[in-house]
């Protein structure tokens, strides 16, 4: 559970168009 926010944050930080909440 603790990794969800971190992984999603890292993907958002790439600024390449990955939507928020990805992945499920």
PDBML (XML) file of the C-alpha atoms, coordinates in Angstrom:
<?xml version="1.0" encoding="UTF-8" ?>
<PDBx:datablock datablockName="MODEL"
   xmlns:PDBx="http://pdbml.pdb.org/schema/pdbx-v50.xsd"
   xmlns:xsi="http://www.w3.org/2001/XMLSchema-instance"
   xsi:schemaLocation="http://pdbml.pdb.org/schema/pdbx-v50.xsd pdbx-v50.xsd">
   <PDBx:atom_siteCategory>
      <PDBx:atom_site id="1">
         <PDBx:B_iso_or_equiv>0.00</PDBx:B_iso_or_equiv>
         <PDBx:Cartn_x>0.000</PDBx:Cartn_x>
         <PDBx:Cartn_y>0.000</PDBx:Cartn_y>
         <PDBx:Cartn_z>0.000</PDBx:Cartn_z>
         <PDBx:auth_asym_id>A</PDBx:auth_asym_id>
         <PDBx:auth_atom_id>CA</PDBx:auth_atom_id>
         <PDBx:auth_comp_id>UNK</PDBx:auth_comp_id>
         <PDBx:auth_seq_id>1</PDBx:auth_seq_id>
         <PDBx:group_PDB>ATOM</PDBx:group_PDB>
         <PDBx:label_alt_id xsi:nil="true" />
         <PDBx:label_asym_id>A</PDBx:label_asym_id>
         <PDBx:label_atom_id>CA</PDBx:label_atom_id>
         <PDBx:label_comp_id>UNK</PDBx:label_comp_id>
         <PDBx:label_entity_id>1</PDBx:label_entity_id>
         <PDBx:label_seq_id>1</PDBx:label_seq_id>
         <PDBx:occupancy>1.00</PDBx:occupancy>
         <PDBx:pdbx_PDB_model_num>1</PDBx:pdbx_PDB_model_num>
         <PDBx:type_symbol>C</PDBx:type_symbol>
      </PDBx:atom_site>
      <PDBx:atom_site id="2">
         <PDBx:B_iso_or_equiv>0.00</PDBx:B_iso_or_equiv>
         <PDBx:Cartn_x>2.765</PDBx:Cartn_x>
         <PDBx:Cartn_y>2.450</PDBx:Cartn_y>
         <PDBx:Cartn_z>0.881</PDBx:Cartn_z>
         <PDBx:auth_asym_id>A</PDBx:auth_asym_id>
         <PDBx:auth_atom_id>CA</PDBx:auth_atom_id>
         <PDBx:auth_comp_id>UNK</PDBx:auth_comp_id>
         <PDBx:auth_seq_id>2</PDBx:auth_seq_id>
         <PDBx:group_PDB>ATOM</PDBx:group_PDB>
         <PDBx:label_alt_id xsi:nil="true" />
         <PDBx:label_asym_id>A</PDBx:label_asym_id>
         <PDBx:label_atom_id>CA</PDBx:label_atom_id>
         <PDBx:label_comp_id>UNK</PDBx:label_comp_id>
         <PDBx:label_entity_id>1</PDBx:label_entity_id>
         <PDBx:label_seq_id>2</PDBx:label_seq_id>
         <PDBx:occupancy>1.00</PDBx:occupancy>
         <PDBx:pdbx_PDB_model_num>1</PDBx:pdbx_PDB_model_num>
         <PDBx:type_symbol>C</PDBx:type_symbol>
      </PDBx:atom_site>
      <PDBx:atom_site id="3">
         <PDBx:B_iso_or_equiv>0.00</PDBx:B_iso_or_equiv>
         <PDBx:Cartn_x>4.304</PDBx:Cartn_x>
         <PDBx:Cartn_y>2.201</PDBx:Cartn_y>
         <PDBx:Cartn_z>-2.590</PDBx:Cartn_z>
         <PDBx:auth_asym_id>A</PDBx:auth_asym_id>
         <PDBx:auth_atom_id>CA</PDBx:auth_atom_id>
         <PDBx:auth_comp_id>UNK</PDBx:auth_comp_id>
         <PDBx:auth_seq_id>3</PDBx:auth_seq_id>
         <PDBx:group_PDB>ATOM</PDBx:group_PDB>
         <PDBx:label_alt_id xsi:nil="true" />
         <PDBx:label_asym_id>A</PDBx:label_asym_id>
         <PDBx:label_atom_id>CA</PDBx:label_atom_id>
         <PDBx:label_comp_id>UNK</PDBx:label_comp_id>
         <PDBx:label_entity_id>1</PDBx:label_entity_id>
         <PDBx:label_seq_id>3</PDBx:label_seq_id>
         <PDBx:occupancy>1.00</PDBx:occupancy>
         <PDBx:pdbx_PDB_model_num>1</PDBx:pdbx_PDB_model_num>
         <PDBx:type_symbol>C</PDBx:type_symbol>
      </PDBx:atom_site>
      <PDBx:atom_site id="4">
         <PDBx:B_iso_or_equiv>0.00</PDBx:B_iso_or_equiv>
         <PDBx:Cartn_x>1.183</PDBx:Cartn_x>
         <PDBx:Cartn_y>3.355</PDBx:Cartn_y>
         <PDBx:Cartn_z>-4.458</PDBx:Cartn_z>
         <PDBx:auth_asym_id>A</PDBx:auth_asym_id>
         <PDBx:auth_atom_id>CA</PDBx:auth_atom_id>
         <PDBx:auth_comp_id>UNK</PDBx:auth_comp_id>
         <PDBx:auth_seq_id>4</PDBx:auth_seq_id>
         <PDBx:group_PDB>ATOM</PDBx:group_PDB>
         <PDBx:label_alt_id xsi:nil="true" />
         <PDBx:label_asym_id>A</PDBx:label_asym_id>
         <PDBx:label_atom_id>CA</PDBx:label_atom_id>
         <PDBx:label_comp_id>UNK</PDBx:label_comp_id>
         <PDBx:label_entity_id>1</PDBx:label_entity_id>
         <PDBx:label_seq_id>4</PDBx:label_seq_id>
         <PDBx:occupancy>1.00</PDBx:occupancy>
         <PDBx:pdbx_PDB_model_num>1</PDBx:pdbx_PDB_model_num>
         <PDBx:type_symbol>C</PDBx:type_symbol>
      </PDBx:atom_site>
      <PDBx:atom_site id="5">
         <PDBx:B_iso_or_equiv>0.00</PDBx:B_iso_or_equiv>
         <PDBx:Cartn_x>1.556</PDBx:Cartn_x>
         <PDBx:Cartn_y>7.070</PDBx:Cartn_y>
         <PDBx:Cartn_z>-3.741</PDBx:Cartn_z>
         <PDBx:auth_asym_id>A</PDBx:auth_asym_id>
         <PDBx:auth_atom_id>CA</PDBx:auth_atom_id>
         <PDBx:auth_comp_id>UNK</PDBx:auth_comp_id>
         <PDBx:auth_seq_id>5</PDBx:auth_seq_id>
         <PDBx:group_PDB>ATOM</PDBx:group_PDB>
         <PDBx:label_alt_id xsi:nil="true" />
         <PDBx:label_asym_id>A</PDBx:label_asym_id>
         <PDBx:label_atom_id>CA</PDBx:label_atom_id>
         <PDBx:label_comp_id>UNK</PDBx:label_comp_id>
         <PDBx:label_entity_id>1</PDBx:label_entity_id>
         <PDBx:label_seq_id>5</PDBx:label_seq_id>
         <PDBx:occupancy>1.00</PDBx:occupancy>
         <PDBx:pdbx_PDB_model_num>1</PDBx:pdbx_PDB_model_num>
         <PDBx:type_symbol>C</PDBx:type_symbol>
      </PDBx:atom_site>
      <PDBx:atom_site id="6">
         <PDBx:B_iso_or_equiv>0.00</PDBx:B_iso_or_equiv>
         <PDBx:Cartn_x>5.314</PDBx:Cartn_x>
         <PDBx:Cartn_y>6.988</PDBx:Cartn_y>
         <PDBx:Cartn_z>-4.392</PDBx:Cartn_z>
         <PDBx:auth_asym_id>A</PDBx:auth_asym_id>
         <PDBx:auth_atom_id>CA</PDBx:auth_atom_id>
         <PDBx:auth_comp_id>UNK</PDBx:auth_comp_id>
         <PDBx:auth_seq_id>6</PDBx:auth_seq_id>
         <PDBx:group_PDB>ATOM</PDBx:group_PDB>
         <PDBx:label_alt_id xsi:nil="true" />
         <PDBx:label_asym_id>A</PDBx:label_asym_id>
         <PDBx:label_atom_id>CA</PDBx:label_atom_id>
         <PDBx:label_comp_id>UNK</PDBx:label_comp_id>
         <PDBx:label_entity_id>1</PDBx:label_entity_id>
         <PDBx:label_seq_id>6</PDBx:label_seq_id>
         <PDBx:occupancy>1.00</PDBx:occupancy>
         <PDBx:pdbx_PDB_model_num>1</PDBx:pdbx_PDB_model_num>
         <PDBx:type_symbol>C</PDBx:type_symbol>
      </PDBx:atom_site>
      <PDBx:atom_site id="7">
         <PDBx:B_iso_or_equiv>0.00</PDBx:B_iso_or_equiv>
         <PDBx:Cartn_x>5.100</PDBx:Cartn_x>
         <PDBx:Cartn_y>5.173</PDBx:Cartn_y>
         <PDBx:Cartn_z>-7.707</PDBx:Cartn_z>
         <PDBx:auth_asym_id>A</PDBx:auth_asym_id>
         <PDBx:auth_atom_id>CA</PDBx:auth_atom_id>
         <PDBx:auth_comp_id>UNK</PDBx:auth_comp_id>
         <PDBx:auth_seq_id>7</PDBx:auth_seq_id>
         <PDBx:group_PDB>ATOM</PDBx:group_PDB>
         <PDBx:label_alt_id xsi:nil="true" />
         <PDBx:label_asym_id>A</PDBx:label_asym_id>
         <PDBx:label_atom_id>CA</PDBx:label_atom_id>
         <PDBx:label_comp_id>UNK</PDBx:label_comp_id>
         <PDBx:label_entity_id>1</PDBx:label_entity_id>
         <PDBx:label_seq_id>7</PDBx:label_seq_id>
         <PDBx:occupancy>1.00</PDBx:occupancy>
         <PDBx:pdbx_PDB_model_num>1</PDBx:pdbx_PDB_model_num>
         <PDBx:type_symbol>C</PDBx:type_symbol>
      </PDBx:atom_site>
      <PDBx:atom_site id="8">
         <PDBx:B_iso_or_equiv>0.00</PDBx:B_iso_or_equiv>
         <PDBx:Cartn_x>2.258</PDBx:Cartn_x>
         <PDBx:Cartn_y>7.366</PDBx:Cartn_y>
         <PDBx:Cartn_z>-8.941</PDBx:Cartn_z>
         <PDBx:auth_asym_id>A</PDBx:auth_asym_id>
         <PDBx:auth_atom_id>CA</PDBx:auth_atom_id>
         <PDBx:auth_comp_id>UNK</PDBx:auth_comp_id>
         <PDBx:auth_seq_id>8</PDBx:auth_seq_id>
         <PDBx:group_PDB>ATOM</PDBx:group_PDB>
         <PDBx:label_alt_id xsi:nil="true" />
         <PDBx:label_asym_id>A</PDBx:label_asym_id>
         <PDBx:label_atom_id>CA</PDBx:label_atom_id>
         <PDBx:label_comp_id>UNK</PDBx:label_comp_id>
         <PDBx:label_entity_id>1</PDBx:label_entity_id>
         <PDBx:label_seq_id>8</PDBx:label_seq_id>
         <PDBx:occupancy>1.00</PDBx:occupancy>
         <PDBx:pdbx_PDB_model_num>1</PDBx:pdbx_PDB_model_num>
         <PDBx:type_symbol>C</PDBx:type_symbol>
      </PDBx:atom_site>
      <PDBx:atom_site id="9">
         <PDBx:B_iso_or_equiv>0.00</PDBx:B_iso_or_equiv>
         <PDBx:Cartn_x>4.111</PDBx:Cartn_x>
         <PDBx:Cartn_y>10.486</PDBx:Cartn_y>
         <PDBx:Cartn_z>-7.792</PDBx:Cartn_z>
         <PDBx:auth_asym_id>A</PDBx:auth_asym_id>
         <PDBx:auth_atom_id>CA</PDBx:auth_atom_id>
         <PDBx:auth_comp_id>UNK</PDBx:auth_comp_id>
         <PDBx:auth_seq_id>9</PDBx:auth_seq_id>
         <PDBx:group_PDB>ATOM</PDBx:group_PDB>
         <PDBx:label_alt_id xsi:nil="true" />
         <PDBx:label_asym_id>A</PDBx:label_asym_id>
         <PDBx:label_atom_id>CA</PDBx:label_atom_id>
         <PDBx:label_comp_id>UNK</PDBx:label_comp_id>
         <PDBx:label_entity_id>1</PDBx:label_entity_id>
         <PDBx:label_seq_id>9</PDBx:label_seq_id>
         <PDBx:occupancy>1.00</PDBx:occupancy>
         <PDBx:pdbx_PDB_model_num>1</PDBx:pdbx_PDB_model_num>
         <PDBx:type_symbol>C</PDBx:type_symbol>
      </PDBx:atom_site>
      <PDBx:atom_site id="10">
         <PDBx:B_iso_or_equiv>0.00</PDBx:B_iso_or_equiv>
         <PDBx:Cartn_x>7.237</PDBx:Cartn_x>
         <PDBx:Cartn_y>9.394</PDBx:Cartn_y>
         <PDBx:Cartn_z>-9.652</PDBx:Cartn_z>
         <PDBx:auth_asym_id>A</PDBx:auth_asym_id>
         <PDBx:auth_atom_id>CA</PDBx:auth_atom_id>
         <PDBx:auth_comp_id>UNK</PDBx:auth_comp_id>
         <PDBx:auth_seq_id>10</PDBx:auth_seq_id>
         <PDBx:group_PDB>ATOM</PDBx:group_PDB>
         <PDBx:label_alt_id xsi:nil="true" />
         <PDBx:label_asym_id>A</PDBx:label_asym_id>
         <PDBx:label_atom_id>CA</PDBx:label_atom_id>
         <PDBx:label_comp_id>UNK</PDBx:label_comp_id>
         <PDBx:label_entity_id>1</PDBx:label_entity_id>
         <PDBx:label_seq_id>10</PDBx:label_seq_id>
         <PDBx:occupancy>1.00</PDBx:occupancy>
         <PDBx:pdbx_PDB_model_num>1</PDBx:pdbx_PDB_model_num>
         <PDBx:type_symbol>C</PDBx:type_symbol>
      </PDBx:atom_site>
      <PDBx:atom_site id="11">
         <PDBx:B_iso_or_equiv>0.00</PDBx:B_iso_or_equiv>
         <PDBx:Cartn_x>5.256</PDBx:Cartn_x>
         <PDBx:Cartn_y>8.769</PDBx:Cartn_y>
         <PDBx:Cartn_z>-12.823</PDBx:Cartn_z>
         <PDBx:auth_asym_id>A</PDBx:auth_asym_id>
         <PDBx:auth_atom_id>CA</PDBx:auth_atom_id>
         <PDBx:auth_comp_id>UNK</PDBx:auth_comp_id>
         <PDBx:auth_seq_id>11</PDBx:auth_seq_id>
         <PDBx:group_PDB>ATOM</PDBx:group_PDB>
         <PDBx:label_alt_id xsi:nil="true" />
         <PDBx:label_asym_id>A</PDBx:label_asym_id>
         <PDBx:label_atom_id>CA</PDBx:label_atom_id>
         <PDBx:label_comp_id>UNK</PDBx:label_comp_id>
         <PDBx:label_entity_id>1</PDBx:label_entity_id>
         <PDBx:label_seq_id>11</PDBx:label_seq_id>
         <PDBx:occupancy>1.00</PDBx:occupancy>
         <PDBx:pdbx_PDB_model_num>1</PDBx:pdbx_PDB_model_num>
         <PDBx:type_symbol>C</PDBx:type_symbol>
      </PDBx:atom_site>
      <PDBx:atom_site id="12">
         <PDBx:B_iso_or_equiv>0.00</PDBx:B_iso_or_equiv>
         <PDBx:Cartn_x>3.546</PDBx:Cartn_x>
         <PDBx:Cartn_y>12.153</PDBx:Cartn_y>
         <PDBx:Cartn_z>-12.550</PDBx:Cartn_z>
         <PDBx:auth_asym_id>A</PDBx:auth_asym_id>
         <PDBx:auth_atom_id>CA</PDBx:auth_atom_id>
         <PDBx:auth_comp_id>UNK</PDBx:auth_comp_id>
         <PDBx:auth_seq_id>12</PDBx:auth_seq_id>
         <PDBx:group_PDB>ATOM</PDBx:group_PDB>
         <PDBx:label_alt_id xsi:nil="true" />
         <PDBx:label_asym_id>A</PDBx:label_asym_id>
         <PDBx:label_atom_id>CA</PDBx:label_atom_id>
         <PDBx:label_comp_id>UNK</PDBx:label_comp_id>
         <PDBx:label_entity_id>1</PDBx:label_entity_id>
         <PDBx:label_seq_id>12</PDBx:label_seq_id>
         <PDBx:occupancy>1.00</PDBx:occupancy>
         <PDBx:pdbx_PDB_model_num>1</PDBx:pdbx_PDB_model_num>
         <PDBx:type_symbol>C</PDBx:type_symbol>
      </PDBx:atom_site>
      <PDBx:atom_site id="13">
         <PDBx:B_iso_or_equiv>0.00</PDBx:B_iso_or_equiv>
         <PDBx:Cartn_x>6.910</PDBx:Cartn_x>
         <PDBx:Cartn_y>13.816</PDBx:Cartn_y>
         <PDBx:Cartn_z>-11.968</PDBx:Cartn_z>
         <PDBx:auth_asym_id>A</PDBx:auth_asym_id>
         <PDBx:auth_atom_id>CA</PDBx:auth_atom_id>
         <PDBx:auth_comp_id>UNK</PDBx:auth_comp_id>
         <PDBx:auth_seq_id>13</PDBx:auth_seq_id>
         <PDBx:group_PDB>ATOM</PDBx:group_PDB>
         <PDBx:label_alt_id xsi:nil="true" />
         <PDBx:label_asym_id>A</PDBx:label_asym_id>
         <PDBx:label_atom_id>CA</PDBx:label_atom_id>
         <PDBx:label_comp_id>UNK</PDBx:label_comp_id>
         <PDBx:label_entity_id>1</PDBx:label_entity_id>
         <PDBx:label_seq_id>13</PDBx:label_seq_id>
         <PDBx:occupancy>1.00</PDBx:occupancy>
         <PDBx:pdbx_PDB_model_num>1</PDBx:pdbx_PDB_model_num>
         <PDBx:type_symbol>C</PDBx:type_symbol>
      </PDBx:atom_site>
      <PDBx:atom_site id="14">
         <PDBx:B_iso_or_equiv>0.00</PDBx:B_iso_or_equiv>
         <PDBx:Cartn_x>8.124</PDBx:Cartn_x>
         <PDBx:Cartn_y>12.544</PDBx:Cartn_y>
         <PDBx:Cartn_z>-15.354</PDBx:Cartn_z>
         <PDBx:auth_asym_id>A</PDBx:auth_asym_id>
         <PDBx:auth_atom_id>CA</PDBx:auth_atom_id>
         <PDBx:auth_comp_id>UNK</PDBx:auth_comp_id>
         <PDBx:auth_seq_id>14</PDBx:auth_seq_id>
         <PDBx:group_PDB>ATOM</PDBx:group_PDB>
         <PDBx:label_alt_id xsi:nil="true" />
         <PDBx:label_asym_id>A</PDBx:label_asym_id>
         <PDBx:label_atom_id>CA</PDBx:label_atom_id>
         <PDBx:label_comp_id>UNK</PDBx:label_comp_id>
         <PDBx:label_entity_id>1</PDBx:label_entity_id>
         <PDBx:label_seq_id>14</PDBx:label_seq_id>
         <PDBx:occupancy>1.00</PDBx:occupancy>
         <PDBx:pdbx_PDB_model_num>1</PDBx:pdbx_PDB_model_num>
         <PDBx:type_symbol>C</PDBx:type_symbol>
      </PDBx:atom_site>
      <PDBx:atom_site id="15">
         <PDBx:B_iso_or_equiv>0.00</PDBx:B_iso_or_equiv>
         <PDBx:Cartn_x>5.705</PDBx:Cartn_x>
         <PDBx:Cartn_y>15.024</PDBx:Cartn_y>
         <PDBx:Cartn_z>-17.000</PDBx:Cartn_z>
         <PDBx:auth_asym_id>A</PDBx:auth_asym_id>
         <PDBx:auth_atom_id>CA</PDBx:auth_atom_id>
         <PDBx:auth_comp_id>UNK</PDBx:auth_comp_id>
         <PDBx:auth_seq_id>15</PDBx:auth_seq_id>
         <PDBx:group_PDB>ATOM</PDBx:group_PDB>
         <PDBx:label_alt_id xsi:nil="true" />
         <PDBx:label_asym_id>A</PDBx:label_asym_id>
         <PDBx:label_atom_id>CA</PDBx:label_atom_id>
         <PDBx:label_comp_id>UNK</PDBx:label_comp_id>
         <PDBx:label_entity_id>1</PDBx:label_entity_id>
         <PDBx:label_seq_id>15</PDBx:label_seq_id>
         <PDBx:occupancy>1.00</PDBx:occupancy>
         <PDBx:pdbx_PDB_model_num>1</PDBx:pdbx_PDB_model_num>
         <PDBx:type_symbol>C</PDBx:type_symbol>
      </PDBx:atom_site>
      <PDBx:atom_site id="16">
         <PDBx:B_iso_or_equiv>0.00</PDBx:B_iso_or_equiv>
         <PDBx:Cartn_x>5.068</PDBx:Cartn_x>
         <PDBx:Cartn_y>12.793</PDBx:Cartn_y>
         <PDBx:Cartn_z>-20.019</PDBx:Cartn_z>
         <PDBx:auth_asym_id>A</PDBx:auth_asym_id>
         <PDBx:auth_atom_id>CA</PDBx:auth_atom_id>
         <PDBx:auth_comp_id>UNK</PDBx:auth_comp_id>
         <PDBx:auth_seq_id>16</PDBx:auth_seq_id>
         <PDBx:group_PDB>ATOM</PDBx:group_PDB>
         <PDBx:label_alt_id xsi:nil="true" />
         <PDBx:label_asym_id>A</PDBx:label_asym_id>
         <PDBx:label_atom_id>CA</PDBx:label_atom_id>
         <PDBx:label_comp_id>UNK</PDBx:label_comp_id>
         <PDBx:label_entity_id>1</PDBx:label_entity_id>
         <PDBx:label_seq_id>16</PDBx:label_seq_id>
         <PDBx:occupancy>1.00</PDBx:occupancy>
         <PDBx:pdbx_PDB_model_num>1</PDBx:pdbx_PDB_model_num>
         <PDBx:type_symbol>C</PDBx:type_symbol>
      </PDBx:atom_site>
      <PDBx:atom_site id="17">
         <PDBx:B_iso_or_equiv>0.00</PDBx:B_iso_or_equiv>
         <PDBx:Cartn_x>1.266</PDBx:Cartn_x>
         <PDBx:Cartn_y>12.671</PDBx:Cartn_y>
         <PDBx:Cartn_z>-19.962</PDBx:Cartn_z>
         <PDBx:auth_asym_id>A</PDBx:auth_asym_id>
         <PDBx:auth_atom_id>CA</PDBx:auth_atom_id>
         <PDBx:auth_comp_id>UNK</PDBx:auth_comp_id>
         <PDBx:auth_seq_id>17</PDBx:auth_seq_id>
         <PDBx:group_PDB>ATOM</PDBx:group_PDB>
         <PDBx:label_alt_id xsi:nil="true" />
         <PDBx:label_asym_id>A</PDBx:label_asym_id>
         <PDBx:label_atom_id>CA</PDBx:label_atom_id>
         <PDBx:label_comp_id>UNK</PDBx:label_comp_id>
         <PDBx:label_entity_id>1</PDBx:label_entity_id>
         <PDBx:label_seq_id>17</PDBx:label_seq_id>
         <PDBx:occupancy>1.00</PDBx:occupancy>
         <PDBx:pdbx_PDB_model_num>1</PDBx:pdbx_PDB_model_num>
         <PDBx:type_symbol>C</PDBx:type_symbol>
      </PDBx:atom_site>
      <PDBx:atom_site id="18">
         <PDBx:B_iso_or_equiv>0.00</PDBx:B_iso_or_equiv>
         <PDBx:Cartn_x>0.661</PDBx:Cartn_x>
         <PDBx:Cartn_y>9.708</PDBx:Cartn_y>
         <PDBx:Cartn_z>-17.660</PDBx:Cartn_z>
         <PDBx:auth_asym_id>A</PDBx:auth_asym_id>
         <PDBx:auth_atom_id>CA</PDBx:auth_atom_id>
         <PDBx:auth_comp_id>UNK</PDBx:auth_comp_id>
         <PDBx:auth_seq_id>18</PDBx:auth_seq_id>
         <PDBx:group_PDB>ATOM</PDBx:group_PDB>
         <PDBx:label_alt_id xsi:nil="true" />
         <PDBx:label_asym_id>A</PDBx:label_asym_id>
         <PDBx:label_atom_id>CA</PDBx:label_atom_id>
         <PDBx:label_comp_id>UNK</PDBx:label_comp_id>
         <PDBx:label_entity_id>1</PDBx:label_entity_id>
         <PDBx:label_seq_id>18</PDBx:label_seq_id>
         <PDBx:occupancy>1.00</PDBx:occupancy>
         <PDBx:pdbx_PDB_model_num>1</PDBx:pdbx_PDB_model_num>
         <PDBx:type_symbol>C</PDBx:type_symbol>
      </PDBx:atom_site>
      <PDBx:atom_site id="19">
         <PDBx:B_iso_or_equiv>0.00</PDBx:B_iso_or_equiv>
         <PDBx:Cartn_x>-2.757</PDBx:Cartn_x>
         <PDBx:Cartn_y>10.365</PDBx:Cartn_y>
         <PDBx:Cartn_z>-16.068</PDBx:Cartn_z>
         <PDBx:auth_asym_id>A</PDBx:auth_asym_id>
         <PDBx:auth_atom_id>CA</PDBx:auth_atom_id>
         <PDBx:auth_comp_id>UNK</PDBx:auth_comp_id>
         <PDBx:auth_seq_id>19</PDBx:auth_seq_id>
         <PDBx:group_PDB>ATOM</PDBx:group_PDB>
         <PDBx:label_alt_id xsi:nil="true" />
         <PDBx:label_asym_id>A</PDBx:label_asym_id>
         <PDBx:label_atom_id>CA</PDBx:label_atom_id>
         <PDBx:label_comp_id>UNK</PDBx:label_comp_id>
         <PDBx:label_entity_id>1</PDBx:label_entity_id>
         <PDBx:label_seq_id>19</PDBx:label_seq_id>
         <PDBx:occupancy>1.00</PDBx:occupancy>
         <PDBx:pdbx_PDB_model_num>1</PDBx:pdbx_PDB_model_num>
         <PDBx:type_symbol>C</PDBx:type_symbol>
      </PDBx:atom_site>
      <PDBx:atom_site id="20">
         <PDBx:B_iso_or_equiv>0.00</PDBx:B_iso_or_equiv>
         <PDBx:Cartn_x>-3.250</PDBx:Cartn_x>
         <PDBx:Cartn_y>10.794</PDBx:Cartn_y>
         <PDBx:Cartn_z>-12.341</PDBx:Cartn_z>
         <PDBx:auth_asym_id>A</PDBx:auth_asym_id>
         <PDBx:auth_atom_id>CA</PDBx:auth_atom_id>
         <PDBx:auth_comp_id>UNK</PDBx:auth_comp_id>
         <PDBx:auth_seq_id>20</PDBx:auth_seq_id>
         <PDBx:group_PDB>ATOM</PDBx:group_PDB>
         <PDBx:label_alt_id xsi:nil="true" />
         <PDBx:label_asym_id>A</PDBx:label_asym_id>
         <PDBx:label_atom_id>CA</PDBx:label_atom_id>
         <PDBx:label_comp_id>UNK</PDBx:label_comp_id>
         <PDBx:label_entity_id>1</PDBx:label_entity_id>
         <PDBx:label_seq_id>20</PDBx:label_seq_id>
         <PDBx:occupancy>1.00</PDBx:occupancy>
         <PDBx:pdbx_PDB_model_num>1</PDBx:pdbx_PDB_model_num>
         <PDBx:type_symbol>C</PDBx:type_symbol>
      </PDBx:atom_site>
      <PDBx:atom_site id="21">
         <PDBx:B_iso_or_equiv>0.00</PDBx:B_iso_or_equiv>
         <PDBx:Cartn_x>-4.258</PDBx:Cartn_x>
         <PDBx:Cartn_y>7.609</PDBx:Cartn_y>
         <PDBx:Cartn_z>-10.573</PDBx:Cartn_z>
         <PDBx:auth_asym_id>A</PDBx:auth_asym_id>
         <PDBx:auth_atom_id>CA</PDBx:auth_atom_id>
         <PDBx:auth_comp_id>UNK</PDBx:auth_comp_id>
         <PDBx:auth_seq_id>21</PDBx:auth_seq_id>
         <PDBx:group_PDB>ATOM</PDBx:group_PDB>
         <PDBx:label_alt_id xsi:nil="true" />
         <PDBx:label_asym_id>A</PDBx:label_asym_id>
         <PDBx:label_atom_id>CA</PDBx:label_atom_id>
         <PDBx:label_comp_id>UNK</PDBx:label_comp_id>
         <PDBx:label_entity_id>1</PDBx:label_entity_id>
         <PDBx:label_seq_id>21</PDBx:label_seq_id>
         <PDBx:occupancy>1.00</PDBx:occupancy>
         <PDBx:pdbx_PDB_model_num>1</PDBx:pdbx_PDB_model_num>
         <PDBx:type_symbol>C</PDBx:type_symbol>
      </PDBx:atom_site>
      <PDBx:atom_site id="22">
         <PDBx:B_iso_or_equiv>0.00</PDBx:B_iso_or_equiv>
         <PDBx:Cartn_x>-2.345</PDBx:Cartn_x>
         <PDBx:Cartn_y>5.438</PDBx:Cartn_y>
         <PDBx:Cartn_z>-13.053</PDBx:Cartn_z>
         <PDBx:auth_asym_id>A</PDBx:auth_asym_id>
         <PDBx:auth_atom_id>CA</PDBx:auth_atom_id>
         <PDBx:auth_comp_id>UNK</PDBx:auth_comp_id>
         <PDBx:auth_seq_id>22</PDBx:auth_seq_id>
         <PDBx:group_PDB>ATOM</PDBx:group_PDB>
         <PDBx:label_alt_id xsi:nil="true" />
         <PDBx:label_asym_id>A</PDBx:label_asym_id>
         <PDBx:label_atom_id>CA</PDBx:label_atom_id>
         <PDBx:label_comp_id>UNK</PDBx:label_comp_id>
         <PDBx:label_entity_id>1</PDBx:label_entity_id>
         <PDBx:label_seq_id>22</PDBx:label_seq_id>
         <PDBx:occupancy>1.00</PDBx:occupancy>
         <PDBx:pdbx_PDB_model_num>1</PDBx:pdbx_PDB_model_num>
         <PDBx:type_symbol>C</PDBx:type_symbol>
      </PDBx:atom_site>
      <PDBx:atom_site id="23">
         <PDBx:B_iso_or_equiv>0.00</PDBx:B_iso_or_equiv>
         <PDBx:Cartn_x>-1.900</PDBx:Cartn_x>
         <PDBx:Cartn_y>2.536</PDBx:Cartn_y>
         <PDBx:Cartn_z>-12.495</PDBx:Cartn_z>
         <PDBx:auth_asym_id>A</PDBx:auth_asym_id>
         <PDBx:auth_atom_id>CA</PDBx:auth_atom_id>
         <PDBx:auth_comp_id>UNK</PDBx:auth_comp_id>
         <PDBx:auth_seq_id>23</PDBx:auth_seq_id>
         <PDBx:group_PDB>ATOM</PDBx:group_PDB>
         <PDBx:label_alt_id xsi:nil="true" />
         <PDBx:label_asym_id>A</PDBx:label_asym_id>
         <PDBx:label_atom_id>CA</PDBx:label_atom_id>
         <PDBx:label_comp_id>UNK</PDBx:label_comp_id>
         <PDBx:label_entity_id>1</PDBx:label_entity_id>
         <PDBx:label_seq_id>23</PDBx:label_seq_id>
         <PDBx:occupancy>1.00</PDBx:occupancy>
         <PDBx:pdbx_PDB_model_num>1</PDBx:pdbx_PDB_model_num>
         <PDBx:type_symbol>C</PDBx:type_symbol>
      </PDBx:atom_site>
      <PDBx:atom_site id="24">
         <PDBx:B_iso_or_equiv>0.00</PDBx:B_iso_or_equiv>
         <PDBx:Cartn_x>-4.920</PDBx:Cartn_x>
         <PDBx:Cartn_y>0.972</PDBx:Cartn_y>
         <PDBx:Cartn_z>-10.745</PDBx:Cartn_z>
         <PDBx:auth_asym_id>A</PDBx:auth_asym_id>
         <PDBx:auth_atom_id>CA</PDBx:auth_atom_id>
         <PDBx:auth_comp_id>UNK</PDBx:auth_comp_id>
         <PDBx:auth_seq_id>24</PDBx:auth_seq_id>
         <PDBx:group_PDB>ATOM</PDBx:group_PDB>
         <PDBx:label_alt_id xsi:nil="true" />
         <PDBx:label_asym_id>A</PDBx:label_asym_id>
         <PDBx:label_atom_id>CA</PDBx:label_atom_id>
         <PDBx:label_comp_id>UNK</PDBx:label_comp_id>
         <PDBx:label_entity_id>1</PDBx:label_entity_id>
         <PDBx:label_seq_id>24</PDBx:label_seq_id>
         <PDBx:occupancy>1.00</PDBx:occupancy>
         <PDBx:pdbx_PDB_model_num>1</PDBx:pdbx_PDB_model_num>
         <PDBx:type_symbol>C</PDBx:type_symbol>
      </PDBx:atom_site>
   </PDBx:atom_siteCategory>
</PDBx:datablock>
